[in-house]
Amino acid sequence: MDRITFLVLLGLCCSLIACSAYPPMKICPGEERLDYKCNHDVTHRVCAKLVDNSHGQCKAISWNNKKQTFWQITGQQRWNWKHTICNGPNAGDSWCICMWATANLIKIVGCDNVHINCAATDIPYLLRSKREGGWDLGEARECIKKKCPPPK
């Protein structure tokens, strides 16, 4: 076996060991991309609850005491896609958001106030990531460890 093959196999084994603490990722209810999972690119890895879709109301939920929504806090109001979340083929209440947006939200509203769907978030990927979109993900990693500990 040549050195490159060995290193590739070693990396795959280490990834499997690191990921084995968490069960397979579930779909993010409301996501519309591909198979509805938060693992298709280098940024959209966190499944966050953005709307209350109970009883068909499709209302953006607030993330802080100022009653600001995800779209207001992250400066994405003009792209508000809540109706896609509520009415798409995978209708639900959540979306795969960017890791930078997650870090931004945690910094602004605090870890206790972020609405993360742990089962549908690519936790191992986030825990291995250091920066994304110019944002340091250290605080986000610590929050995810707190909110989404590995199952016992």
C-alpha atoms as a PDB file:
ATOM      1  CA  MET A   1       0.000   0.000   0.000  1.00  0.00           C
ATOM      2  CA  ASP A   2       1.456   3.365  -0.973  1.00  0.00           C
ATOM      3  CA  ARG A   3       1.625   6.291   1.437  1.00  0.00           C
ATOM      4  CA  ILE A   4      -1.237   8.268  -0.127  1.00  0.00           C
ATOM      5  CA  THR A   5      -3.623   5.307   0.009  1.00  0.00           C
ATOM      6  CA  PHE A   6      -2.659   4.703   3.631  1.00  0.00           C
ATOM      7  CA  LEU A   7      -3.300   8.342   4.572  1.00  0.00           C
ATOM      8  CA  VAL A   8      -6.685   8.356   2.819  1.00  0.00           C
ATOM      9  CA  LEU A   9      -7.726   5.171   4.619  1.00  0.00           C
ATOM     10  CA  LEU A  10      -6.465   6.530   7.926  1.00  0.00           C
ATOM     11  CA  GLY A  11      -8.492   9.731   7.399  1.00  0.00           C
ATOM     12  CA  LEU A  12     -11.641   7.754   6.592  1.00  0.00           C
ATOM     13  CA  CYS A  13     -11.222   5.616   9.691  1.00  0.00           C
ATOM     14  CA  CYS A  14     -10.708   8.661  11.885  1.00  0.00           C
ATOM     15  CA  SER A  15     -13.816  10.312  10.403  1.00  0.00           C
ATOM     16  CA  LEU A  16     -15.895   7.208  11.085  1.00  0.00           C
ATOM     17  CA  ILE A  17     -14.655   7.024  14.663  1.00  0.00           C
ATOM     18  CA  ALA A  18     -15.334  10.737  15.250  1.00  0.00           C
ATOM     19  CA  CYS A  19     -18.827  10.468  13.768  1.00  0.00           C
ATOM     20  CA  SER A  20     -19.782   7.256  15.496  1.00  0.00           C
ATOM     21  CA  ALA A  21     -20.785   9.067  18.701  1.00  0.00           C
ATOM     22  CA  TYR A  22     -23.836  10.487  16.929  1.00  0.00           C
ATOM     23  CA  PRO A  23     -26.615   8.553  15.186  1.00  0.00           C
ATOM     24  CA  PRO A  24     -27.225   9.032  11.453  1.00  0.00           C
ATOM     25  CA  MET A  25     -28.539  12.476  10.631  1.00  0.00           C
ATOM     26  CA  LYS A  26     -32.290  12.866  10.179  1.00  0.00           C
ATOM     27  CA  ILE A  27     -34.007  15.087   7.621  1.00  0.00           C
ATOM     28  CA  CYS A  28     -34.489  18.760   8.456  1.00  0.00           C
ATOM     29  CA  PRO A  29     -38.292  19.313   8.361  1.00  0.00           C
ATOM     30  CA  GLY A  30     -38.851  22.217   5.989  1.00  0.00           C
ATOM     31  CA  GLU A  31     -35.568  21.996   4.051  1.00  0.00           C
ATOM     32  CA  GLU A  32     -36.037  21.765   0.275  1.00  0.00           C
ATOM     33  CA  ARG A  33     -32.564  20.890  -1.061  1.00  0.00           C
ATOM     34  CA  LEU A  34     -31.808  17.373  -2.353  1.00  0.00           C
ATOM     35  CA  ASP A  35     -32.713  14.761   0.253  1.00  0.00           C
ATOM     36  CA  TYR A  36     -33.650  17.347   2.908  1.00  0.00           C
ATOM     37  CA  LYS A  37     -30.478  16.798   4.962  1.00  0.00           C
ATOM     38  CA  CYS A  38     -27.979  19.394   6.161  1.00  0.00           C
ATOM     39  CA  ASN A  39     -24.869  17.822   4.646  1.00  0.00           C
ATOM     40  CA  HIS A  40     -24.652  18.829   0.981  1.00  0.00           C
ATOM     41  CA  ASP A  41     -22.198  21.711   1.025  1.00  0.00           C
ATOM     42  CA  VAL A  42     -19.558  23.277   3.251  1.00  0.00           C
ATOM     43  CA  THR A  43     -21.862  25.762   4.949  1.00  0.00           C
ATOM     44  CA  HIS A  44     -25.529  24.709   5.379  1.00  0.00           C
ATOM     45  CA  ARG A  45     -24.958  22.189   8.199  1.00  0.00           C
ATOM     46  CA  VAL A  46     -27.263  23.351  11.016  1.00  0.00           C
ATOM     47  CA  CYS A  47     -30.980  22.548  11.092  1.00  0.00           C
ATOM     48  CA  ALA A  48     -32.628  25.479  12.853  1.00  0.00           C
ATOM     49  CA  LYS A  49     -36.290  25.944  13.690  1.00  0.00           C
ATOM     50  CA  LEU A  50     -37.326  29.207  12.036  1.00  0.00           C
ATOM     51  CA  VAL A  51     -41.141  29.115  12.023  1.00  0.00           C
ATOM     52  CA  ASP A  52     -44.075  27.920  14.038  1.00  0.00           C
ATOM     53  CA  ASN A  53     -46.005  25.898  11.499  1.00  0.00           C
ATOM     54  CA  SER A  54     -48.580  24.502  13.889  1.00  0.00           C
ATOM     55  CA  HIS A  55     -52.166  24.770  12.669  1.00  0.00           C
ATOM     56  CA  GLY A  56     -50.947  26.123   9.302  1.00  0.00           C
ATOM     57  CA  GLN A  57     -49.972  29.533  10.662  1.00  0.00           C
ATOM     58  CA  CYS A  58     -46.385  29.636   9.257  1.00  0.00           C
ATOM     59  CA  LYS A  59     -45.288  32.359  11.664  1.00  0.00           C
ATOM     60  CA  ALA A  60     -41.601  33.299  11.984  1.00  0.00           C
ATOM     61  CA  ILE A  61     -40.498  32.672  15.567  1.00  0.00           C
ATOM     62  CA  SER A  62     -38.562  35.184  17.635  1.00  0.00           C
ATOM     63  CA  TRP A  63     -35.062  34.449  18.865  1.00  0.00           C
ATOM     64  CA  ASN A  64     -34.572  37.202  21.452  1.00  0.00           C
ATOM     65  CA  ASN A  65     -36.368  39.537  23.846  1.00  0.00           C
ATOM     66  CA  LYS A  66     -36.688  42.110  21.042  1.00  0.00           C
ATOM     67  CA  LYS A  67     -38.932  39.592  19.231  1.00  0.00           C
ATOM     68  CA  GLN A  68     -36.559  39.511  16.239  1.00  0.00           C
ATOM     69  CA  THR A  69     -36.744  36.643  13.776  1.00  0.00           C
ATOM     70  CA  PHE A  70     -33.877  34.720  12.230  1.00  0.00           C
ATOM     71  CA  TRP A  71     -34.223  36.828   9.071  1.00  0.00           C
ATOM     72  CA  GLN A  72     -34.063  40.120  10.969  1.00  0.00           C
ATOM     73  CA  ILE A  73     -31.079  39.111  13.092  1.00  0.00           C
ATOM     74  CA  THR A  74     -29.052  37.804  10.147  1.00  0.00           C
ATOM     75  CA  GLY A  75     -30.042  40.644   7.782  1.00  0.00           C
ATOM     76  CA  GLN A  76     -31.827  38.305   5.372  1.00  0.00           C
ATOM     77  CA  GLN A  77     -35.379  39.737   5.542  1.00  0.00           C
ATOM     78  CA  ARG A  78     -35.641  40.258   1.791  1.00  0.00           C
ATOM     79  CA  TRP A  79     -34.977  36.538   1.254  1.00  0.00           C
ATOM     80  CA  ASN A  80     -37.466  35.347   3.873  1.00  0.00           C
ATOM     81  CA  TRP A  81     -38.364  31.849   2.689  1.00  0.00           C
ATOM     82  CA  LYS A  82     -40.769  30.850   5.452  1.00  0.00           C
ATOM     83  CA  HIS A  83     -43.500  29.914   2.962  1.00  0.00           C
ATOM     84  CA  THR A  84     -41.112  27.485   1.270  1.00  0.00           C
ATOM     85  CA  ILE A  85     -40.410  25.933   4.684  1.00  0.00           C
ATOM     86  CA  CYS A  86     -44.102  25.595   5.508  1.00  0.00           C
ATOM     87  CA  ASN A  87     -45.437  24.548   2.112  1.00  0.00           C
ATOM     88  CA  GLY A  88     -42.671  22.710   0.276  1.00  0.00           C
ATOM     89  CA  PRO A  89     -42.524  19.010  -0.496  1.00  0.00           C
ATOM     90  CA  ASN A  90     -40.862  18.534   2.928  1.00  0.00           C
ATOM     91  CA  ALA A  91     -43.160  20.947   4.788  1.00  0.00           C
ATOM     92  CA  GLY A  92     -42.043  21.686   8.325  1.00  0.00           C
ATOM     93  CA  ASP A  93     -40.640  24.391  10.569  1.00  0.00           C
ATOM     94  CA  SER A  94     -36.877  24.346   9.975  1.00  0.00           C
ATOM     95  CA  TRP A  95     -34.122  24.963   7.426  1.00  0.00           C
ATOM     96  CA  CYS A  96     -30.462  24.085   6.973  1.00  0.00           C
ATOM     97  CA  ILE A  97     -28.756  27.361   7.841  1.00  0.00           C
ATOM     98  CA  CYS A  98     -25.149  28.420   7.378  1.00  0.00           C
ATOM     99  CA  MET A  99     -22.630  27.795  10.102  1.00  0.00           C
ATOM    100  CA  TRP A 100     -21.741  31.526   9.976  1.00  0.00           C
ATOM    101  CA  ALA A 101     -25.415  32.394  10.588  1.00  0.00           C
ATOM    102  CA  THR A 102     -25.455  29.982  13.526  1.00  0.00           C
ATOM    103  CA  ALA A 103     -22.344  31.626  14.994  1.00  0.00           C
ATOM    104  CA  ASN A 104     -23.899  35.068  14.438  1.00  0.00           C
ATOM    105  CA  LEU A 105     -27.161  34.052  16.111  1.00  0.00           C
ATOM    106  CA  ILE A 106     -25.392  32.537  19.119  1.00  0.00           C
ATOM    107  CA  LYS A 107     -23.273  35.667  19.546  1.00  0.00           C
ATOM    108  CA  ILE A 108     -26.364  37.914  19.436  1.00  0.00           C
ATOM    109  CA  VAL A 109     -29.049  35.897  21.272  1.00  0.00           C
ATOM    110  CA  GLY A 110     -27.000  33.463  23.363  1.00  0.00           C
ATOM    111  CA  CYS A 111     -26.807  29.705  23.236  1.00  0.00           C
ATOM    112  CA  ASP A 112     -29.927  29.130  25.322  1.00  0.00           C
ATOM    113  CA  ASN A 113     -32.074  31.040  22.808  1.00  0.00           C
ATOM    114  CA  VAL A 114     -31.078  29.306  19.567  1.00  0.00           C
ATOM    115  CA  HIS A 115     -33.542  26.792  18.152  1.00  0.00           C
ATOM    116  CA  ILE A 116     -31.447  23.863  16.893  1.00  0.00           C
ATOM    117  CA  ASN A 117     -32.791  20.522  15.707  1.00  0.00           C
ATOM    118  CA  CYS A 118     -29.880  18.391  16.935  1.00  0.00           C
ATOM    119  CA  ALA A 119     -31.002  15.191  15.214  1.00  0.00           C
ATOM    120  CA  ALA A 120     -30.975  16.938  11.809  1.00  0.00           C
ATOM    121  CA  THR A 121     -27.747  18.943  12.306  1.00  0.00           C
ATOM    122  CA  ASP A 122     -24.392  17.698  11.017  1.00  0.00           C
ATOM    123  CA  ILE A 123     -22.820  17.921  14.461  1.00  0.00           C
ATOM    124  CA  PRO A 124     -19.562  16.057  13.700  1.00  0.00           C
ATOM    125  CA  TYR A 125     -18.881  18.373  10.733  1.00  0.00           C
ATOM    126  CA  LEU A 126     -19.568  21.504  12.771  1.00  0.00           C
ATOM    127  CA  LEU A 127     -17.386  20.305  15.641  1.00  0.00           C
ATOM    128  CA  ARG A 128     -14.488  19.811  13.188  1.00  0.00           C
ATOM    129  CA  SER A 129     -14.952  23.254  11.596  1.00  0.00           C
ATOM    130  CA  LYS A 130     -12.982  26.264  12.836  1.00  0.00           C
ATOM    131  CA  ARG A 131     -14.143  29.145  10.581  1.00  0.00           C
ATOM    132  CA  GLU A 132     -16.836  29.742   7.987  1.00  0.00           C
ATOM    133  CA  GLY A 133     -17.763  32.873   6.063  1.00  0.00           C
ATOM    134  CA  GLY A 134     -15.203  34.886   8.024  1.00  0.00           C
ATOM    135  CA  TRP A 135     -16.755  33.851  11.346  1.00  0.00           C
ATOM    136  CA  ASP A 136     -14.905  32.067  14.133  1.00  0.00           C
ATOM    137  CA  LEU A 137     -17.024  29.023  15.000  1.00  0.00           C
ATOM    138  CA  GLY A 138     -15.565  28.473  18.488  1.00  0.00           C
ATOM    139  CA  GLU A 139     -18.614  29.771  20.361  1.00  0.00           C
ATOM    140  CA  ALA A 140     -20.937  27.865  18.007  1.00  0.00           C
ATOM    141  CA  ARG A 141     -19.024  24.613  18.613  1.00  0.00           C
ATOM    142  CA  GLU A 142     -19.277  25.079  22.386  1.00  0.00           C
ATOM    143  CA  CYS A 143     -23.000  25.821  22.145  1.00  0.00           C
ATOM    144  CA  ILE A 144     -23.640  22.746  19.980  1.00  0.00           C
ATOM    145  CA  LYS A 145     -21.708  20.579  22.457  1.00  0.00           C
ATOM    146  CA  LYS A 146     -23.949  21.924  25.228  1.00  0.00           C
ATOM    147  CA  LYS A 147     -27.271  21.687  23.348  1.00  0.00           C
ATOM    148  CA  CYS A 148     -26.546  18.480  21.406  1.00  0.00           C
ATOM    149  CA  PRO A 149     -24.375  16.138  23.496  1.00  0.00           C
ATOM    150  CA  PRO A 150     -23.628  12.693  22.043  1.00  0.00           C
ATOM    151  CA  PRO A 151     -26.170  10.070  23.093  1.00  0.00           C
ATOM    152  CA  LYS A 152     -25.112   7.860  25.962  1.00  0.00           C
END
